Amino acid sequence: MRPWDAAVAQQIIDGFAGQRGALLPMLHALQGCFGCIDDAALPLLARSLNLSRADVHGVVTFYHDFRRTRPGRHILKVCRAEACQAMGADALIAHIKDHLSVDFHETTGDGAFTLEAVYCLGNCALSPALMLDETLVGRVTPARFDALVAGVRS
């Protein structure tokens, strides 16, 4: 992830010029580059697509995958769907929040982890599940979680 740069953002946006339904691909590309959708991107997007800033803001805030602030170095997504809840996700989530000293949508003080809730990772048979960056992990216990975090931090 690089720091916000309006010129780079405009190049990304221009790369989608003339494409129908370009807003979502533009947003994904911007977030991929900068780690989040910076407030300064909204007028650039609105102008390029002939939309209002409110329209762009509405899309950014509607979809949970778009972030408004830079995330930690590692994204931790914990499943809160029914299968995971039935297999102890609530206790696991309490442990995770306590261990990292964060709540959902927050980043640890050292910038290492951002905690996010998701409502299905498609790993129901191995509940409770989480995703650490792009790695899906099943049958997560508090001890297994602690080992995962320790392994990433070292």
C-alpha atoms as a PDB file:
ATOM      1  CA  MET A   1       0.000   0.000   0.000  1.00  0.00           C
ATOM      2  CA  ARG A   2       1.288   3.396  -0.871  1.00  0.00           C
ATOM      3  CA  PRO A   3       0.420   6.800   0.580  1.00  0.00           C
ATOM      4  CA  TRP A   4      -2.420   8.768  -1.018  1.00  0.00           C
ATOM      5  CA  ASP A   5      -1.387  10.471  -4.244  1.00  0.00           C
ATOM      6  CA  ALA A   6      -4.041  12.305  -6.269  1.00  0.00           C
ATOM      7  CA  ALA A   7      -2.067  12.002  -9.513  1.00  0.00           C
ATOM      8  CA  VAL A   8      -1.741   8.223  -9.153  1.00  0.00           C
ATOM      9  CA  ALA A   9      -5.420   7.991  -8.214  1.00  0.00           C
ATOM     10  CA  GLN A  10      -6.382   9.940 -11.329  1.00  0.00           C
ATOM     11  CA  GLN A  11      -4.264   7.597 -13.477  1.00  0.00           C
ATOM     12  CA  ILE A  12      -6.080   4.612 -11.967  1.00  0.00           C
ATOM     13  CA  ILE A  13      -9.457   6.231 -12.579  1.00  0.00           C
ATOM     14  CA  ASP A  14      -8.509   7.203 -16.140  1.00  0.00           C
ATOM     15  CA  GLY A  15      -7.606   3.574 -16.812  1.00  0.00           C
ATOM     16  CA  PHE A  16     -11.321   2.749 -16.620  1.00  0.00           C
ATOM     17  CA  ALA A  17     -12.485   5.641 -18.811  1.00  0.00           C
ATOM     18  CA  GLY A  18     -15.436   4.768 -21.000  1.00  0.00           C
ATOM     19  CA  GLN A  19     -16.057   1.414 -19.318  1.00  0.00           C
ATOM     20  CA  ARG A  20     -19.692   0.798 -18.334  1.00  0.00           C
ATOM     21  CA  GLY A  21     -20.190   0.233 -14.626  1.00  0.00           C
ATOM     22  CA  ALA A  22     -16.685   1.455 -13.879  1.00  0.00           C
ATOM     23  CA  LEU A  23     -17.265   2.730 -10.347  1.00  0.00           C
ATOM     24  CA  LEU A  24     -16.831  -0.576  -8.515  1.00  0.00           C
ATOM     25  CA  PRO A  25     -13.706  -1.591 -10.471  1.00  0.00           C
ATOM     26  CA  MET A  26     -12.276   1.887  -9.868  1.00  0.00           C
ATOM     27  CA  LEU A  27     -12.954   1.633  -6.138  1.00  0.00           C
ATOM     28  CA  HIS A  28     -11.346  -1.806  -5.930  1.00  0.00           C
ATOM     29  CA  ALA A  29      -8.287  -0.570  -7.833  1.00  0.00           C
ATOM     30  CA  LEU A  30      -7.939   2.505  -5.617  1.00  0.00           C
ATOM     31  CA  GLN A  31      -8.255   0.445  -2.450  1.00  0.00           C
ATOM     32  CA  GLY A  32      -5.760  -2.074  -3.807  1.00  0.00           C
ATOM     33  CA  CYS A  33      -3.250   0.690  -4.382  1.00  0.00           C
ATOM     34  CA  PHE A  34      -3.806   2.859  -1.303  1.00  0.00           C
ATOM     35  CA  GLY A  35      -5.353   0.410   1.184  1.00  0.00           C
ATOM     36  CA  CYS A  36      -8.549   2.436   1.499  1.00  0.00           C
ATOM     37  CA  ILE A  37     -10.809   4.856  -0.317  1.00  0.00           C
ATOM     38  CA  ASP A  38      -9.450   8.249   0.670  1.00  0.00           C
ATOM     39  CA  ASP A  39     -11.967  11.088   1.009  1.00  0.00           C
ATOM     40  CA  ALA A  40     -10.012  12.961  -1.657  1.00  0.00           C
ATOM     41  CA  ALA A  41     -10.891  10.215  -4.162  1.00  0.00           C
ATOM     42  CA  LEU A  42     -14.618  10.944  -4.027  1.00  0.00           C
ATOM     43  CA  PRO A  43     -14.572  14.170  -6.074  1.00  0.00           C
ATOM     44  CA  LEU A  44     -12.160  12.611  -8.595  1.00  0.00           C
ATOM     45  CA  LEU A  45     -14.494   9.659  -9.073  1.00  0.00           C
ATOM     46  CA  ALA A  46     -17.600  11.834  -9.205  1.00  0.00           C
ATOM     47  CA  ARG A  47     -16.096  14.121 -11.831  1.00  0.00           C
ATOM     48  CA  SER A  48     -14.808  11.238 -13.965  1.00  0.00           C
ATOM     49  CA  LEU A  49     -18.153   9.423 -13.935  1.00  0.00           C
ATOM     50  CA  ASN A  50     -20.431  12.464 -13.986  1.00  0.00           C
ATOM     51  CA  LEU A  51     -21.937  11.459 -10.643  1.00  0.00           C
ATOM     52  CA  SER A  52     -22.514  13.436  -7.477  1.00  0.00           C
ATOM     53  CA  ARG A  53     -20.155  13.001  -4.553  1.00  0.00           C
ATOM     54  CA  ALA A  54     -23.175  11.720  -2.619  1.00  0.00           C
ATOM     55  CA  ASP A  55     -23.671   8.955  -5.197  1.00  0.00           C
ATOM     56  CA  VAL A  56     -20.038   7.861  -4.892  1.00  0.00           C
ATOM     57  CA  HIS A  57     -20.131   8.124  -1.101  1.00  0.00           C
ATOM     58  CA  GLY A  58     -23.287   6.001  -1.040  1.00  0.00           C
ATOM     59  CA  VAL A  59     -21.583   3.198  -2.953  1.00  0.00           C
ATOM     60  CA  VAL A  60     -18.436   3.329  -0.822  1.00  0.00           C
ATOM     61  CA  THR A  61     -20.389   3.162   2.430  1.00  0.00           C
ATOM     62  CA  PHE A  62     -22.889   0.561   1.198  1.00  0.00           C
ATOM     63  CA  TYR A  63     -20.296  -2.132   0.474  1.00  0.00           C
ATOM     64  CA  HIS A  64     -18.545  -3.409   3.581  1.00  0.00           C
ATOM     65  CA  ASP A  65     -15.380  -4.367   1.728  1.00  0.00           C
ATOM     66  CA  PHE A  66     -14.468  -0.741   1.080  1.00  0.00           C
ATOM     67  CA  ARG A  67     -12.461   0.909   3.843  1.00  0.00           C
ATOM     68  CA  ARG A  68     -12.339   4.623   4.598  1.00  0.00           C
ATOM     69  CA  THR A  69      -9.164   4.375   6.686  1.00  0.00           C
ATOM     70  CA  ARG A  70      -5.930   2.518   6.091  1.00  0.00           C
ATOM     71  CA  PRO A  71      -5.956  -0.993   7.549  1.00  0.00           C
ATOM     72  CA  GLY A  72      -3.293  -2.721   9.573  1.00  0.00           C
ATOM     73  CA  ARG A  73      -0.581  -4.764   7.911  1.00  0.00           C
ATOM     74  CA  HIS A  74      -2.770  -7.859   8.343  1.00  0.00           C
ATOM     75  CA  ILE A  75      -6.529  -8.132   7.888  1.00  0.00           C
ATOM     76  CA  LEU A  76      -8.282 -10.548  10.225  1.00  0.00           C
ATOM     77  CA  LYS A  77     -11.830 -11.463   9.161  1.00  0.00           C
ATOM     78  CA  VAL A  78     -13.866 -13.503  11.632  1.00  0.00           C
ATOM     79  CA  CYS A  79     -17.031 -15.306  10.556  1.00  0.00           C
ATOM     80  CA  ARG A  80     -20.170 -14.415  12.505  1.00  0.00           C
ATOM     81  CA  ALA A  81     -22.638 -16.552  10.529  1.00  0.00           C
ATOM     82  CA  GLU A  82     -24.923 -19.074  12.185  1.00  0.00           C
ATOM     83  CA  ALA A  83     -22.760 -22.182  11.671  1.00  0.00           C
ATOM     84  CA  CYS A  84     -19.754 -20.503  13.223  1.00  0.00           C
ATOM     85  CA  GLN A  85     -21.855 -19.097  16.055  1.00  0.00           C
ATOM     86  CA  ALA A  86     -23.154 -22.587  16.795  1.00  0.00           C
ATOM     87  CA  MET A  87     -19.579 -23.820  17.058  1.00  0.00           C
ATOM     88  CA  GLY A  88     -18.322 -21.151  19.474  1.00  0.00           C
ATOM     89  CA  ALA A  89     -17.536 -18.093  17.353  1.00  0.00           C
ATOM     90  CA  ASP A  90     -18.893 -15.691  19.972  1.00  0.00           C
ATOM     91  CA  ALA A  91     -16.419 -16.935  22.588  1.00  0.00           C
ATOM     92  CA  LEU A  92     -13.632 -16.873  20.000  1.00  0.00           C
ATOM     93  CA  ILE A  93     -14.518 -13.315  19.015  1.00  0.00           C
ATOM     94  CA  ALA A  94     -14.461 -12.224  22.671  1.00  0.00           C
ATOM     95  CA  HIS A  95     -11.006 -13.797  23.000  1.00  0.00           C
ATOM     96  CA  ILE A  96      -9.750 -12.120  19.822  1.00  0.00           C
ATOM     97  CA  LYS A  97     -11.018  -8.699  20.881  1.00  0.00           C
ATOM     98  CA  ASP A  98      -9.433  -9.105  24.302  1.00  0.00           C
ATOM     99  CA  HIS A  99      -6.151 -10.467  22.916  1.00  0.00           C
ATOM    100  CA  LEU A 100      -5.776  -7.689  20.329  1.00  0.00           C
ATOM    101  CA  SER A 101      -7.431  -4.933  22.428  1.00  0.00           C
ATOM    102  CA  VAL A 102      -9.618  -3.880  19.485  1.00  0.00           C
ATOM    103  CA  ASP A 103     -13.222  -4.082  18.387  1.00  0.00           C
ATOM    104  CA  PHE A 104     -14.501  -4.736  14.884  1.00  0.00           C
ATOM    105  CA  HIS A 105     -13.322  -2.178  12.302  1.00  0.00           C
ATOM    106  CA  GLU A 106     -10.407  -1.150  14.489  1.00  0.00           C
ATOM    107  CA  THR A 107      -6.670  -1.574  14.096  1.00  0.00           C
ATOM    108  CA  THR A 108      -4.263  -2.591  16.826  1.00  0.00           C
ATOM    109  CA  GLY A 109      -2.087   0.140  18.310  1.00  0.00           C
ATOM    110  CA  ASP A 110       1.005  -1.245  16.617  1.00  0.00           C
ATOM    111  CA  GLY A 111      -0.727  -1.212  13.218  1.00  0.00           C
ATOM    112  CA  ALA A 112      -0.370  -4.977  12.845  1.00  0.00           C
ATOM    113  CA  PHE A 113      -4.006  -6.150  12.657  1.00  0.00           C
ATOM    114  CA  THR A 114      -7.373  -4.810  11.556  1.00  0.00           C
ATOM    115  CA  LEU A 115     -10.326  -6.835  12.835  1.00  0.00           C
ATOM    116  CA  GLU A 116     -13.361  -7.237  10.587  1.00  0.00           C
ATOM    117  CA  ALA A 117     -16.599  -9.198  10.870  1.00  0.00           C
ATOM    118  CA  VAL A 118     -17.845 -11.224   7.924  1.00  0.00           C
ATOM    119  CA  TYR A 119     -21.027 -13.208   7.614  1.00  0.00           C
ATOM    120  CA  CYS A 120     -19.811 -16.288   5.820  1.00  0.00           C
ATOM    121  CA  LEU A 121     -16.443 -17.507   4.679  1.00  0.00           C
ATOM    122  CA  GLY A 122     -17.895 -20.655   3.111  1.00  0.00           C
ATOM    123  CA  ASN A 123     -16.045 -22.859   5.581  1.00  0.00           C
ATOM    124  CA  CYS A 124     -19.068 -23.928   7.627  1.00  0.00           C
ATOM    125  CA  ALA A 125     -17.957 -27.550   8.016  1.00  0.00           C
ATOM    126  CA  LEU A 126     -14.829 -26.320   9.796  1.00  0.00           C
ATOM    127  CA  SER A 127     -16.409 -23.718  12.082  1.00  0.00           C
ATOM    128  CA  PRO A 128     -15.510 -21.428  13.660  1.00  0.00           C
ATOM    129  CA  ALA A 129     -13.552 -19.928  10.800  1.00  0.00           C
ATOM    130  CA  LEU A 130     -11.497 -16.860  10.128  1.00  0.00           C
ATOM    131  CA  MET A 131      -9.393 -15.444   7.340  1.00  0.00           C
ATOM    132  CA  LEU A 132      -5.968 -14.010   8.064  1.00  0.00           C
ATOM    133  CA  ASP A 133      -5.019 -11.928   5.058  1.00  0.00           C
ATOM    134  CA  GLU A 134      -5.865 -14.356   2.231  1.00  0.00           C
ATOM    135  CA  THR A 135      -5.526 -17.565   4.261  1.00  0.00           C
ATOM    136  CA  LEU A 136      -8.712 -19.323   5.348  1.00  0.00           C
ATOM    137  CA  VAL A 137      -8.415 -21.079   8.712  1.00  0.00           C
ATOM    138  CA  GLY A 138     -10.980 -23.467  10.177  1.00  0.00           C
ATOM    139  CA  ARG A 139     -11.669 -24.980  13.584  1.00  0.00           C
ATOM    140  CA  VAL A 140     -10.123 -21.971  15.273  1.00  0.00           C
ATOM    141  CA  THR A 141      -9.799 -22.139  19.032  1.00  0.00           C
ATOM    142  CA  PRO A 142      -8.430 -19.368  21.233  1.00  0.00           C
ATOM    143  CA  ALA A 143      -5.121 -21.247  21.477  1.00  0.00           C
ATOM    144  CA  ARG A 144      -4.944 -21.716  17.709  1.00  0.00           C
ATOM    145  CA  PHE A 145      -5.722 -18.044  17.208  1.00  0.00           C
ATOM    146  CA  ASP A 146      -2.924 -17.037  19.600  1.00  0.00           C
ATOM    147  CA  ALA A 147      -0.482 -19.252  17.669  1.00  0.00           C
ATOM    148  CA  LEU A 148      -1.580 -17.732  14.329  1.00  0.00           C
ATOM    149  CA  VAL A 149      -1.051 -14.202  15.598  1.00  0.00           C
ATOM    150  CA  ALA A 150       2.286 -15.058  17.176  1.00  0.00           C
ATOM    151  CA  GLY A 151       3.443 -16.627  13.907  1.00  0.00           C
ATOM    152  CA  VAL A 152       2.533 -13.523  11.908  1.00  0.00           C
ATOM    153  CA  ARG A 153       4.115 -11.134  14.400  1.00  0.00           C
ATOM    154  CA  SER A 154       7.439 -13.002  14.502  1.00  0.00           C
END
